[in-house]
C-alpha atoms as a PDB file:
ATOM      1  CA  MET A   1      42.285 -18.497  74.738  1.00  0.00           C
ATOM      2  CA  LYS A   2      41.162 -22.067  75.303  1.00  0.00           C
ATOM      3  CA  LYS A   3      37.464 -22.528  74.627  1.00  0.00           C
ATOM      4  CA  SER A   4      35.398 -23.844  77.525  1.00  0.00           C
ATOM      5  CA  LEU A   5      33.863 -27.202  76.770  1.00  0.00           C
ATOM      6  CA  PRO A   6      30.379 -28.150  77.966  1.00  0.00           C
ATOM      7  CA  SER A   7      30.353 -30.071  81.207  1.00  0.00           C
ATOM      8  CA  PHE A   8      29.863 -33.833  81.181  1.00  0.00           C
ATOM      9  CA  ALA A   9      26.551 -33.324  82.977  1.00  0.00           C
ATOM     10  CA  SER A  10      25.402 -30.900  80.285  1.00  0.00           C
ATOM     11  CA  VAL A  11      26.289 -33.345  77.533  1.00  0.00           C
ATOM     12  CA  LEU A  12      24.349 -36.121  79.265  1.00  0.00           C
ATOM     13  CA  ALA A  13      21.425 -33.747  79.749  1.00  0.00           C
ATOM     14  CA  LEU A  14      21.436 -32.845  76.060  1.00  0.00           C
ATOM     15  CA  GLY A  15      21.312 -36.503  75.116  1.00  0.00           C
ATOM     16  CA  ALA A  16      18.367 -37.088  77.398  1.00  0.00           C
ATOM     17  CA  PHE A  17      16.590 -33.959  76.153  1.00  0.00           C
ATOM     18  CA  LEU A  18      16.928 -35.022  72.533  1.00  0.00           C
ATOM     19  CA  VAL A  19      15.488 -38.434  73.276  1.00  0.00           C
ATOM     20  CA  GLY A  20      12.378 -37.191  75.032  1.00  0.00           C
ATOM     21  CA  SER A  21      12.898 -34.189  77.309  1.00  0.00           C
ATOM     22  CA  PRO A  22      12.165 -35.848  80.681  1.00  0.00           C
ATOM     23  CA  LEU A  23      11.869 -33.463  83.612  1.00  0.00           C
ATOM     24  CA  MET A  24      15.196 -34.523  85.114  1.00  0.00           C
ATOM     25  CA  ALA A  25      17.001 -33.758  81.863  1.00  0.00           C
ATOM     26  CA  VAL A  26      15.340 -30.337  81.547  1.00  0.00           C
ATOM     27  CA  SER A  27      16.334 -29.526  85.106  1.00  0.00           C
ATOM     28  CA  ALA A  28      19.926 -30.541  84.400  1.00  0.00           C
ATOM     29  CA  LEU A  29      19.957 -28.377  81.288  1.00  0.00           C
ATOM     30  CA  ALA A  30      18.780 -25.349  83.260  1.00  0.00           C
ATOM     31  CA  GLN A  31      21.374 -25.956  85.985  1.00  0.00           C
ATOM     32  CA  GLY A  32      24.074 -26.375  83.328  1.00  0.00           C
ATOM     33  CA  ALA A  33      23.582 -22.826  82.027  1.00  0.00           C
ATOM     34  CA  ASP A  34      25.057 -19.934  83.951  1.00  0.00           C
ATOM     35  CA  ALA A  35      22.896 -17.175  85.405  1.00  0.00           C
ATOM     36  CA  ASP A  36      22.797 -15.349  82.072  1.00  0.00           C
ATOM     37  CA  GLY A  37      21.457 -18.353  80.135  1.00  0.00           C
ATOM     38  CA  ILE A  38      21.980 -18.289  76.356  1.00  0.00           C
ATOM     39  CA  ILE A  39      22.421 -15.348  74.001  1.00  0.00           C
ATOM     40  CA  ILE A  40      20.632 -15.333  70.653  1.00  0.00           C
ATOM     41  CA  TYR A  41      21.625 -13.020  67.842  1.00  0.00           C
ATOM     42  CA  ASN A  42      18.174 -12.473  66.400  1.00  0.00           C
ATOM     43  CA  ALA A  43      17.491 -11.241  62.872  1.00  0.00           C
ATOM     44  CA  GLN A  44      13.951 -12.640  62.837  1.00  0.00           C
ATOM     45  CA  HIS A  45      10.957 -10.483  63.741  1.00  0.00           C
ATOM     46  CA  ALA A  46      11.369  -9.544  67.395  1.00  0.00           C
ATOM     47  CA  SER A  47       7.881 -10.618  68.470  1.00  0.00           C
ATOM     48  CA  LEU A  48       8.202 -14.090  66.938  1.00  0.00           C
ATOM     49  CA  THR A  49      11.592 -14.891  68.456  1.00  0.00           C
ATOM     50  CA  GLN A  50      10.455 -13.444  71.783  1.00  0.00           C
ATOM     51  CA  ALA A  51       7.510 -15.840  71.749  1.00  0.00           C
ATOM     52  CA  TRP A  52       9.889 -18.719  71.023  1.00  0.00           C
ATOM     53  CA  ALA A  53      12.241 -17.597  73.787  1.00  0.00           C
ATOM     54  CA  ASP A  54       9.410 -17.241  76.304  1.00  0.00           C
ATOM     55  CA  GLY A  55       8.044 -20.695  75.472  1.00  0.00           C
ATOM     56  CA  PHE A  56      11.488 -22.288  75.693  1.00  0.00           C
ATOM     57  CA  THR A  57      12.229 -20.636  79.052  1.00  0.00           C
ATOM     58  CA  ARG A  58       8.828 -21.705  80.378  1.00  0.00           C
ATOM     59  CA  ASP A  59       9.458 -25.324  79.412  1.00  0.00           C
ATOM     60  CA  THR A  60      13.144 -25.574  80.359  1.00  0.00           C
ATOM     61  CA  GLY A  61      13.914 -22.842  82.875  1.00  0.00           C
ATOM     62  CA  ILE A  62      16.773 -21.623  80.653  1.00  0.00           C
ATOM     63  CA  LYS A  63      16.980 -17.840  80.332  1.00  0.00           C
ATOM     64  CA  VAL A  64      17.278 -16.363  76.845  1.00  0.00           C
ATOM     65  CA  THR A  65      18.746 -12.964  75.976  1.00  0.00           C
ATOM     66  CA  LEU A  66      17.941 -11.602  72.512  1.00  0.00           C
ATOM     67  CA  ARG A  67      20.208  -9.225  70.629  1.00  0.00           C
ATOM     68  CA  LYS A  68      18.441  -7.708  67.629  1.00  0.00           C
ATOM     69  CA  GLY A  69      19.853  -6.843  64.217  1.00  0.00           C
ATOM     70  CA  SER A  70      19.361  -7.481  60.513  1.00  0.00           C
ATOM     71  CA  ASP A  71      20.292 -10.700  58.713  1.00  0.00           C
ATOM     72  CA  MET A  72      23.546  -9.625  57.104  1.00  0.00           C
ATOM     73  CA  GLU A  73      24.459  -7.168  59.857  1.00  0.00           C
ATOM     74  CA  LEU A  74      24.501  -9.936  62.449  1.00  0.00           C
ATOM     75  CA  GLY A  75      25.918 -12.501  60.034  1.00  0.00           C
ATOM     76  CA  ASN A  76      28.897 -10.269  59.292  1.00  0.00           C
ATOM     77  CA  GLN A  77      29.265  -9.467  62.988  1.00  0.00           C
ATOM     78  CA  ILE A  78      29.495 -13.168  63.838  1.00  0.00           C
ATOM     79  CA  VAL A  79      32.113 -13.682  61.129  1.00  0.00           C
ATOM     80  CA  GLN A  80      34.131 -10.753  62.497  1.00  0.00           C
ATOM     81  CA  GLU A  81      33.817 -11.989  66.085  1.00  0.00           C
ATOM     82  CA  GLY A  82      34.786 -15.527  65.133  1.00  0.00           C
ATOM     83  CA  ALA A  83      35.516 -17.791  68.090  1.00  0.00           C
ATOM     84  CA  ALA A  84      35.150 -14.803  70.440  1.00  0.00           C
ATOM     85  CA  SER A  85      31.451 -14.281  69.638  1.00  0.00           C
ATOM     86  CA  PRO A  86      29.243 -14.163  72.745  1.00  0.00           C
ATOM     87  CA  ALA A  87      26.348 -15.568  70.712  1.00  0.00           C
ATOM     88  CA  ASP A  88      25.124 -19.098  71.379  1.00  0.00           C
ATOM     89  CA  VAL A  89      22.483 -19.215  68.623  1.00  0.00           C
ATOM     90  CA  PHE A  90      21.928 -17.271  65.392  1.00  0.00           C
ATOM     91  CA  VAL A  91      18.354 -16.884  64.066  1.00  0.00           C
ATOM     92  CA  THR A  92      17.575 -15.200  60.735  1.00  0.00           C
ATOM     93  CA  GLU A  93      14.690 -14.163  58.525  1.00  0.00           C
ATOM     94  CA  ASN A  94      16.362 -15.450  55.336  1.00  0.00           C
ATOM     95  CA  SER A  95      19.011 -18.062  54.597  1.00  0.00           C
ATOM     96  CA  PRO A  96      21.833 -16.082  52.878  1.00  0.00           C
ATOM     97  CA  ALA A  97      23.127 -14.883  56.258  1.00  0.00           C
ATOM     98  CA  MET A  98      23.091 -18.463  57.521  1.00  0.00           C
ATOM     99  CA  ALA A  99      25.110 -19.512  54.465  1.00  0.00           C
ATOM    100  CA  LEU A 100      27.590 -16.720  55.195  1.00  0.00           C
ATOM    101  CA  VAL A 101      28.249 -17.905  58.762  1.00  0.00           C
ATOM    102  CA  ASP A 102      28.250 -21.548  57.686  1.00  0.00           C
ATOM    103  CA  GLY A 103      30.767 -20.789  54.955  1.00  0.00           C
ATOM    104  CA  ALA A 104      33.080 -19.359  57.611  1.00  0.00           C
ATOM    105  CA  GLY A 105      32.910 -22.672  59.480  1.00  0.00           C
ATOM    106  CA  LEU A 106      31.361 -21.138  62.599  1.00  0.00           C
ATOM    107  CA  PHE A 107      28.363 -23.431  63.176  1.00  0.00           C
ATOM    108  CA  ALA A 108      28.400 -26.600  65.268  1.00  0.00           C
ATOM    109  CA  PRO A 109      26.666 -29.660  63.779  1.00  0.00           C
ATOM    110  CA  LEU A 110      23.078 -29.996  64.944  1.00  0.00           C
ATOM    111  CA  ALA A 111      21.836 -33.079  66.762  1.00  0.00           C
ATOM    112  CA  ALA A 112      20.350 -35.768  64.549  1.00  0.00           C
ATOM    113  CA  ASP A 113      17.008 -35.649  66.378  1.00  0.00           C
ATOM    114  CA  THR A 114      16.738 -31.928  65.637  1.00  0.00           C
ATOM    115  CA  ILE A 115      17.562 -32.389  61.959  1.00  0.00           C
ATOM    116  CA  ALA A 116      14.906 -35.096  61.716  1.00  0.00           C
ATOM    117  CA  GLN A 117      12.206 -32.632  62.796  1.00  0.00           C
ATOM    118  CA  VAL A 118      12.384 -30.612  59.547  1.00  0.00           C
ATOM    119  CA  PRO A 119      12.037 -31.898  55.945  1.00  0.00           C
ATOM    120  CA  PRO A 120      15.213 -31.789  53.812  1.00  0.00           C
ATOM    121  CA  GLU A 121      13.866 -29.011  51.567  1.00  0.00           C
ATOM    122  CA  TYR A 122      13.956 -26.578  54.511  1.00  0.00           C
ATOM    123  CA  GLN A 123      17.541 -27.161  55.609  1.00  0.00           C
ATOM    124  CA  PRO A 124      21.035 -27.405  54.112  1.00  0.00           C
ATOM    125  CA  ALA A 125      22.494 -30.816  53.405  1.00  0.00           C
ATOM    126  CA  ASN A 126      25.385 -30.447  55.852  1.00  0.00           C
ATOM    127  CA  GLY A 127      23.193 -30.274  58.973  1.00  0.00           C
ATOM    128  CA  ARG A 128      24.905 -27.231  60.464  1.00  0.00           C
ATOM    129  CA  TRP A 129      21.801 -25.070  60.551  1.00  0.00           C
ATOM    130  CA  ILE A 130      18.112 -25.683  60.068  1.00  0.00           C
ATOM    131  CA  GLY A 131      14.929 -24.038  58.837  1.00  0.00           C
ATOM    132  CA  VAL A 132      12.619 -22.768  61.556  1.00  0.00           C
ATOM    133  CA  ALA A 133       9.975 -20.952  59.459  1.00  0.00           C
ATOM    134  CA  ALA A 134       9.327 -19.916  55.856  1.00  0.00           C
ATOM    135  CA  ARG A 135       7.852 -17.088  53.832  1.00  0.00           C
ATOM    136  CA  SER A 136       6.560 -16.969  50.261  1.00  0.00           C
ATOM    137  CA  THR A 137       7.330 -14.392  47.603  1.00  0.00           C
ATOM    138  CA  VAL A 138       4.149 -12.804  46.216  1.00  0.00           C
ATOM    139  CA  PHE A 139       3.067 -10.009  43.908  1.00  0.00           C
ATOM    140  CA  ALA A 140       0.792  -7.742  45.961  1.00  0.00           C
ATOM    141  CA  TYR A 141      -1.433  -5.898  43.495  1.00  0.00           C
ATOM    142  CA  ASP A 142      -4.155  -3.263  43.421  1.00  0.00           C
ATOM    143  CA  LYS A 143      -7.287  -5.310  42.833  1.00  0.00           C
ATOM    144  CA  ASN A 144      -9.150  -2.173  41.721  1.00  0.00           C
ATOM    145  CA  LYS A 145      -6.720  -1.608  38.844  1.00  0.00           C
ATOM    146  CA  LEU A 146      -5.611  -5.074  37.763  1.00  0.00           C
ATOM    147  CA  THR A 147      -7.545  -8.210  36.900  1.00  0.00           C
ATOM    148  CA  PRO A 148      -5.982 -11.689  37.255  1.00  0.00           C
ATOM    149  CA  ALA A 149      -5.522 -11.788  33.462  1.00  0.00           C
ATOM    150  CA  GLN A 150      -3.396  -8.631  33.597  1.00  0.00           C
ATOM    151  CA  LEU A 151      -0.946  -9.924  36.203  1.00  0.00           C
ATOM    152  CA  PRO A 152       2.637 -10.918  35.333  1.00  0.00           C
ATOM    153  CA  LYS A 153       2.975 -14.627  34.622  1.00  0.00           C
ATOM    154  CA  SER A 154       6.548 -14.638  35.903  1.00  0.00           C
ATOM    155  CA  LEU A 155       8.769 -12.495  38.090  1.00  0.00           C
ATOM    156  CA  LEU A 156      10.901 -12.025  34.969  1.00  0.00           C
ATOM    157  CA  ASP A 157       7.977 -10.339  33.200  1.00  0.00           C
ATOM    158  CA  LEU A 158       8.461  -7.286  35.396  1.00  0.00           C
ATOM    159  CA  ALA A 159      11.566  -6.466  33.331  1.00  0.00           C
ATOM    160  CA  ASP A 160       9.320  -5.702  30.365  1.00  0.00           C
ATOM    161  CA  PRO A 161       9.113  -1.947  29.624  1.00  0.00           C
ATOM    162  CA  SER A 162       5.326  -2.180  29.854  1.00  0.00           C
ATOM    163  CA  TRP A 163       5.713  -2.534  33.638  1.00  0.00           C
ATOM    164  CA  SER A 164       8.007   0.483  33.991  1.00  0.00           C
ATOM    165  CA  GLY A 165       6.864   2.779  36.798  1.00  0.00           C
ATOM    166  CA  ARG A 166       4.010   0.455  37.727  1.00  0.00           C
ATOM    167  CA  TRP A 167       5.602  -1.783  40.349  1.00  0.00           C
ATOM    168  CA  GLY A 168       7.668  -1.461  43.485  1.00  0.00           C
ATOM    169  CA  ALA A 169       9.983  -3.351  45.821  1.00  0.00           C
ATOM    170  CA  SER A 170      12.385  -2.797  48.703  1.00  0.00           C
ATOM    171  CA  PRO A 171      15.754  -3.479  47.044  1.00  0.00           C
ATOM    172  CA  SER A 172      17.844  -2.534  50.077  1.00  0.00           C
ATOM    173  CA  GLY A 173      16.158  -5.095  52.322  1.00  0.00           C
ATOM    174  CA  ALA A 174      17.377  -8.617  53.128  1.00  0.00           C
ATOM    175  CA  ASP A 175      14.002 -10.005  52.036  1.00  0.00           C
ATOM    176  CA  PHE A 176      14.273  -8.772  48.463  1.00  0.00           C
ATOM    177  CA  GLN A 177      17.963  -9.661  48.257  1.00  0.00           C
ATOM    178  CA  ALA A 178      17.069 -13.236  49.213  1.00  0.00           C
ATOM    179  CA  ILE A 179      14.592 -13.303  46.324  1.00  0.00           C
ATOM    180  CA  VAL A 180      17.328 -12.086  43.972  1.00  0.00           C
ATOM    181  CA  SER A 181      19.636 -14.761  45.414  1.00  0.00           C
ATOM    182  CA  ALA A 182      17.083 -17.368  44.386  1.00  0.00           C
ATOM    183  CA  LEU A 183      16.803 -15.834  40.916  1.00  0.00           C
ATOM    184  CA  LEU A 184      20.589 -16.023  40.611  1.00  0.00           C
ATOM    185  CA  GLU A 185      20.671 -19.670  41.664  1.00  0.00           C
ATOM    186  CA  LEU A 186      17.816 -20.618  39.341  1.00  0.00           C
ATOM    187  CA  LYS A 187      18.595 -18.569  36.222  1.00  0.00           C
ATOM    188  CA  GLY A 188      22.275 -17.664  36.435  1.00  0.00           C
ATOM    189  CA  GLU A 189      24.242 -14.435  36.531  1.00  0.00           C
ATOM    190  CA  ALA A 190      23.525 -13.174  33.012  1.00  0.00           C
ATOM    191  CA  VAL A 191      19.730 -13.376  33.369  1.00  0.00           C
ATOM    192  CA  THR A 192      19.852 -11.934  36.877  1.00  0.00           C
ATOM    193  CA  SER A 193      22.066  -9.020  35.850  1.00  0.00           C
ATOM    194  CA  SER A 194      19.829  -8.205  32.895  1.00  0.00           C
ATOM    195  CA  TRP A 195      16.702  -8.360  35.065  1.00  0.00           C
ATOM    196  CA  LEU A 196      18.227  -6.089  37.708  1.00  0.00           C
ATOM    197  CA  LYS A 197      19.225  -3.491  35.121  1.00  0.00           C
ATOM    198  CA  ALA A 198      15.670  -3.481  33.764  1.00  0.00           C
ATOM    199  CA  MET A 199      14.405  -3.254  37.330  1.00  0.00           C
ATOM    200  CA  LYS A 200      16.531  -0.153  37.946  1.00  0.00           C
ATOM    201  CA  ALA A 201      14.905   1.500  34.936  1.00  0.00           C
ATOM    202  CA  GLY A 202      11.356   0.593  35.890  1.00  0.00           C
ATOM    203  CA  VAL A 203      10.922  -0.021  39.622  1.00  0.00           C
ATOM    204  CA  LYS A 204       9.753   2.402  42.296  1.00  0.00           C
ATOM    205  CA  PRO A 205      11.950   1.692  45.336  1.00  0.00           C
ATOM    206  CA  TYR A 206      10.616   1.720  48.885  1.00  0.00           C
ATOM    207  CA  ARG A 207      12.219   1.098  52.250  1.00  0.00           C
ATOM    208  CA  GLY A 208      10.488  -2.006  53.541  1.00  0.00           C
ATOM    209  CA  ASN A 209       7.898  -4.482  52.317  1.00  0.00           C
ATOM    210  CA  SER A 210       5.141  -2.931  54.397  1.00  0.00           C
ATOM    211  CA  VAL A 211       5.832   0.502  52.862  1.00  0.00           C
ATOM    212  CA  ALA A 212       5.704  -1.002  49.360  1.00  0.00           C
ATOM    213  CA  MET A 213       2.380  -2.678  50.161  1.00  0.00           C
ATOM    214  CA  LYS A 214       0.979   0.609  51.496  1.00  0.00           C
ATOM    215  CA  ALA A 215       1.970   2.246  48.219  1.00  0.00           C
ATOM    216  CA  VAL A 216      -0.039  -0.359  46.315  1.00  0.00           C
ATOM    217  CA  ASN A 217      -2.981   0.167  48.631  1.00  0.00           C
ATOM    218  CA  ALA A 218      -2.804   3.951  48.149  1.00  0.00           C
ATOM    219  CA  GLY A 219      -2.743   3.642  44.349  1.00  0.00           C
ATOM    220  CA  GLU A 220       0.845   4.909  43.945  1.00  0.00           C
ATOM    221  CA  ILE A 221       1.815   1.733  42.084  1.00  0.00           C
ATOM    222  CA  GLU A 222      -0.124  -1.217  40.716  1.00  0.00           C
ATOM    223  CA  GLY A 223       1.888  -3.970  42.377  1.00  0.00           C
ATOM    224  CA  ALA A 224       4.899  -4.840  44.518  1.00  0.00           C
ATOM    225  CA  VAL A 225       7.139  -7.848  45.098  1.00  0.00           C
ATOM    226  CA  ILE A 226       6.980  -8.624  48.825  1.00  0.00           C
ATOM    227  CA  TYR A 227       6.594 -11.556  51.213  1.00  0.00           C
ATOM    228  CA  HIS A 228       3.122 -12.871  51.900  1.00  0.00           C
ATOM    229  CA  TYR A 229       2.854 -12.266  55.636  1.00  0.00           C
ATOM    230  CA  TYR A 230       2.764  -8.471  55.427  1.00  0.00           C
ATOM    231  CA  TRP A 231      -0.652  -8.687  53.809  1.00  0.00           C
ATOM    232  CA  PHE A 232      -1.951 -11.313  56.243  1.00  0.00           C
ATOM    233  CA  GLY A 233      -0.649  -9.389  59.238  1.00  0.00           C
ATOM    234  CA  ASP A 234      -2.377  -6.190  58.162  1.00  0.00           C
ATOM    235  CA  GLN A 235      -5.597  -8.026  57.359  1.00  0.00           C
ATOM    236  CA  ALA A 236      -5.574  -9.532  60.863  1.00  0.00           C
ATOM    237  CA  LYS A 237      -5.453  -6.026  62.354  1.00  0.00           C
ATOM    238  CA  THR A 238      -7.453  -3.253  60.709  1.00  0.00           C
ATOM    239  CA  GLY A 239      -6.766  -3.993  57.052  1.00  0.00           C
ATOM    240  CA  GLU A 240      -6.333  -0.275  56.466  1.00  0.00           C
ATOM    241  CA  ASN A 241      -3.063  -0.734  54.596  1.00  0.00           C
ATOM    242  CA  SER A 242      -4.213  -3.685  52.481  1.00  0.00           C
ATOM    243  CA  LYS A 243      -7.933  -3.197  51.812  1.00  0.00           C
ATOM    244  CA  ASN A 244      -7.307  -2.548  48.108  1.00  0.00           C
ATOM    245  CA  VAL A 245      -4.624  -5.234  47.809  1.00  0.00           C
ATOM    246  CA  ALA A 246      -4.775  -8.884  46.741  1.00  0.00           C
ATOM    247  CA  LEU A 247      -1.963 -11.429  46.464  1.00  0.00           C
ATOM    248  CA  HIS A 248      -0.787 -13.113  43.282  1.00  0.00           C
ATOM    249  CA  TYR A 249       1.195 -16.370  43.628  1.00  0.00           C
ATOM    250  CA  PHE A 250       3.409 -17.031  40.612  1.00  0.00           C
ATOM    251  CA  ARG A 251       3.606 -20.834  41.202  1.00  0.00           C
ATOM    252  CA  LYS A 252       4.918 -23.263  38.502  1.00  0.00           C
ATOM    253  CA  GLY A 253       8.461 -23.233  39.889  1.00  0.00           C
ATOM    254  CA  ASP A 254       8.917 -19.606  38.872  1.00  0.00           C
ATOM    255  CA  PRO A 255      11.596 -17.541  40.683  1.00  0.00           C
ATOM    256  CA  GLY A 256       8.676 -15.406  41.863  1.00  0.00           C
ATOM    257  CA  ALA A 257       7.332 -18.435  43.727  1.00  0.00           C
ATOM    258  CA  PHE A 258      10.505 -18.653  45.826  1.00  0.00           C
ATOM    259  CA  VAL A 259       9.953 -19.721  49.435  1.00  0.00           C
ATOM    260  CA  SER A 260      12.606 -18.235  51.707  1.00  0.00           C
ATOM    261  CA  VAL A 261      13.746 -20.266  54.704  1.00  0.00           C
ATOM    262  CA  SER A 262      14.329 -18.639  58.080  1.00  0.00           C
ATOM    263  CA  GLY A 263      17.191 -20.391  59.822  1.00  0.00           C
ATOM    264  CA  ALA A 264      18.702 -21.171  63.205  1.00  0.00           C
ATOM    265  CA  GLY A 265      22.128 -22.500  64.047  1.00  0.00           C
ATOM    266  CA  VAL A 266      24.300 -23.109  67.103  1.00  0.00           C
ATOM    267  CA  LEU A 267      27.655 -21.327  67.149  1.00  0.00           C
ATOM    268  CA  ALA A 268      30.609 -23.676  67.523  1.00  0.00           C
ATOM    269  CA  SER A 269      32.112 -21.155  69.960  1.00  0.00           C
ATOM    270  CA  SER A 270      29.106 -21.309  72.310  1.00  0.00           C
ATOM    271  CA  LYS A 271      30.006 -22.184  75.893  1.00  0.00           C
ATOM    272  CA  HIS A 272      26.456 -23.494  76.395  1.00  0.00           C
ATOM    273  CA  GLN A 273      26.280 -26.112  73.671  1.00  0.00           C
ATOM    274  CA  ALA A 274      23.678 -28.297  75.377  1.00  0.00           C
ATOM    275  CA  GLN A 275      21.320 -25.408  76.077  1.00  0.00           C
ATOM    276  CA  ALA A 276      21.794 -23.854  72.628  1.00  0.00           C
ATOM    277  CA  GLN A 277      21.116 -27.186  70.922  1.00  0.00           C
ATOM    278  CA  ALA A 278      18.032 -27.597  73.098  1.00  0.00           C
ATOM    279  CA  PHE A 279      16.697 -24.206  71.978  1.00  0.00           C
ATOM    280  CA  VAL A 280      16.968 -25.079  68.274  1.00  0.00           C
ATOM    281  CA  LYS A 281      15.329 -28.437  68.931  1.00  0.00           C
ATOM    282  CA  TRP A 282      12.481 -26.752  70.813  1.00  0.00           C
ATOM    283  CA  VAL A 283      11.845 -24.182  68.060  1.00  0.00           C
ATOM    284  CA  THR A 284      11.737 -26.830  65.331  1.00  0.00           C
ATOM    285  CA  GLY A 285       9.600 -29.096  67.486  1.00  0.00           C
ATOM    286  CA  LYS A 286       5.982 -29.009  68.600  1.00  0.00           C
ATOM    287  CA  GLY A 287       6.225 -25.954  70.861  1.00  0.00           C
ATOM    288  CA  GLY A 288       7.987 -23.669  68.417  1.00  0.00           C
ATOM    289  CA  GLN A 289       5.992 -24.705  65.367  1.00  0.00           C
ATOM    290  CA  GLU A 290       2.656 -24.306  67.152  1.00  0.00           C
ATOM    291  CA  ILE A 291       3.582 -20.686  67.859  1.00  0.00           C
ATOM    292  CA  LEU A 292       3.744 -20.225  64.085  1.00  0.00           C
ATOM    293  CA  ARG A 293       0.361 -21.880  63.656  1.00  0.00           C
ATOM    294  CA  ASP A 294      -1.419 -20.014  66.453  1.00  0.00           C
ATOM    295  CA  GLY A 295       0.455 -16.704  66.603  1.00  0.00           C
ATOM    296  CA  ASP A 296       0.272 -13.527  64.571  1.00  0.00           C
ATOM    297  CA  SER A 297       3.534 -13.792  62.615  1.00  0.00           C
ATOM    298  CA  PHE A 298       1.752 -15.497  59.668  1.00  0.00           C
ATOM    299  CA  GLU A 299       4.989 -17.221  58.677  1.00  0.00           C
ATOM    300  CA  TYR A 300       4.848 -20.835  57.572  1.00  0.00           C
ATOM    301  CA  ALA A 301       5.593 -23.712  59.936  1.00  0.00           C
ATOM    302  CA  VAL A 302       8.196 -26.060  58.434  1.00  0.00           C
ATOM    303  CA  GLY A 303       8.395 -28.917  60.943  1.00  0.00           C
ATOM    304  CA  VAL A 304       7.510 -32.453  59.884  1.00  0.00           C
ATOM    305  CA  GLY A 305       3.733 -32.735  60.221  1.00  0.00           C
ATOM    306  CA  ALA A 306       3.437 -29.164  61.540  1.00  0.00           C
ATOM    307  CA  ARG A 307       0.457 -27.114  60.437  1.00  0.00           C
ATOM    308  CA  SER A 308       0.653 -23.454  59.467  1.00  0.00           C
ATOM    309  CA  ASN A 309      -1.942 -20.794  60.181  1.00  0.00           C
ATOM    310  CA  PRO A 310      -5.086 -21.983  58.344  1.00  0.00           C
ATOM    311  CA  LYS A 311      -5.513 -18.563  56.695  1.00  0.00           C
ATOM    312  CA  LEU A 312      -2.362 -19.088  54.633  1.00  0.00           C
ATOM    313  CA  GLU A 313      -2.181 -20.576  51.169  1.00  0.00           C
ATOM    314  CA  PRO A 314      -0.848 -24.101  51.859  1.00  0.00           C
ATOM    315  CA  LEU A 315       2.869 -24.544  51.225  1.00  0.00           C
ATOM    316  CA  ALA A 316       2.146 -27.566  49.033  1.00  0.00           C
ATOM    317  CA  LYS A 317       0.086 -25.393  46.661  1.00  0.00           C
ATOM    318  CA  LEU A 318       2.746 -22.720  46.150  1.00  0.00           C
ATOM    319  CA  GLN A 319       4.656 -24.816  43.599  1.00  0.00           C
ATOM    320  CA  ALA A 320       7.882 -23.204  44.785  1.00  0.00           C
ATOM    321  CA  PRO A 321      11.124 -23.744  42.837  1.00  0.00           C
ATOM    322  CA  LYS A 322      13.702 -26.087  44.345  1.00  0.00           C
ATOM    323  CA  VAL A 323      16.510 -23.935  45.702  1.00  0.00           C
ATOM    324  CA  GLU A 324      19.365 -25.232  47.868  1.00  0.00           C
ATOM    325  CA  ALA A 325      19.345 -22.731  50.734  1.00  0.00           C
ATOM    326  CA  SER A 326      23.056 -23.087  51.439  1.00  0.00           C
ATOM    327  CA  LYS A 327      23.864 -21.896  47.895  1.00  0.00           C
ATOM    328  CA  LEU A 328      22.130 -18.529  48.164  1.00  0.00           C
ATOM    329  CA  ASN A 329      24.930 -16.033  47.641  1.00  0.00           C
ATOM    330  CA  ASN A 330      24.465 -12.594  49.144  1.00  0.00           C
ATOM    331  CA  LYS A 331      27.855 -11.212  48.098  1.00  0.00           C
ATOM    332  CA  THR A 332      27.301 -11.816  44.398  1.00  0.00           C
ATOM    333  CA  VAL A 333      23.766 -10.459  44.713  1.00  0.00           C
ATOM    334  CA  THR A 334      24.900  -7.233  46.361  1.00  0.00           C
ATOM    335  CA  ASP A 335      27.635  -6.868  43.720  1.00  0.00           C
ATOM    336  CA  LEU A 336      25.094  -7.309  40.918  1.00  0.00           C
ATOM    337  CA  MET A 337      22.568  -4.982  42.542  1.00  0.00           C
ATOM    338  CA  THR A 338      25.253  -2.358  43.137  1.00  0.00           C
ATOM    339  CA  SER A 339      26.377  -2.642  39.519  1.00  0.00           C
ATOM    340  CA  ALA A 340      22.758  -2.154  38.408  1.00  0.00           C
ATOM    341  CA  GLY A 341      22.480   0.978  40.581  1.00  0.00           C
ATOM    342  CA  LEU A 342      19.922  -0.505  42.976  1.00  0.00           C
ATOM    343  CA  LEU A 343      22.155  -0.284  46.075  1.00  0.00           C
END
């Protein structure tokens, strides 16, 4: 079936939107979309992407429909659907799923003005998808049982038998698998395989980062490898699941200091290219990044000059390792984790 191309008016509207979003261009963009607007396959937290969608619709008049799933679930679905996918935009929590879809050649190049809104360290070099938010790996620990001097200096230290039975993680989740992907990229397959086998012998597995953090809080384990925002989110509510928990940042370029990039990309098969491109530009621009600063997701803003929630440890102080997001390899990670008996 021949793919429908965007109308000439839509292309002109996109060009105008990317230059400065004048009202006439926004109106043309809205008129260029059909009654159903754009469809986003969303693997990010539902509340965050809903806030982005609501803000975008408010500013442009373009309707957004969200279809929820996990990173790799939706990534694999897009690959299976190929050119027949109904999705216009793909949004993820972590970058391995973006790399999967990109590797299948299913993303359209992003507009130069959109790419310019995010620093190079939060996007792949080819410009086919872009970072929209970020999250830091942390060691959430029981502050009543451990002092700072007793904490692991490196993520790799958790392979030591002395930590056996004392720490937890959510190995089946996309979050943890992204962390392992970074370990693989930074240290290679032999080190990663050895670490995973030691992890199998010593970790207490949980289903979800929030469950692992609750286990630390309840005294079941002394620490857990999670992402930072679970602690901040709980603290912003009642703090009942984190009152005994503090966060340890590994820093110094350690694999445990990995900062995972949440991504967004426009599907090459989208029949609403102008509107889909406009959504990604909006999310990476002032409107979308301010939602990260002012909202309750507690994820990091990644736009040029954008500020994150002031409660967060500044990105610049995390001393995160340099990891090329497009190289994070979920297939090898799942193979290694399966071989180690973790999946």
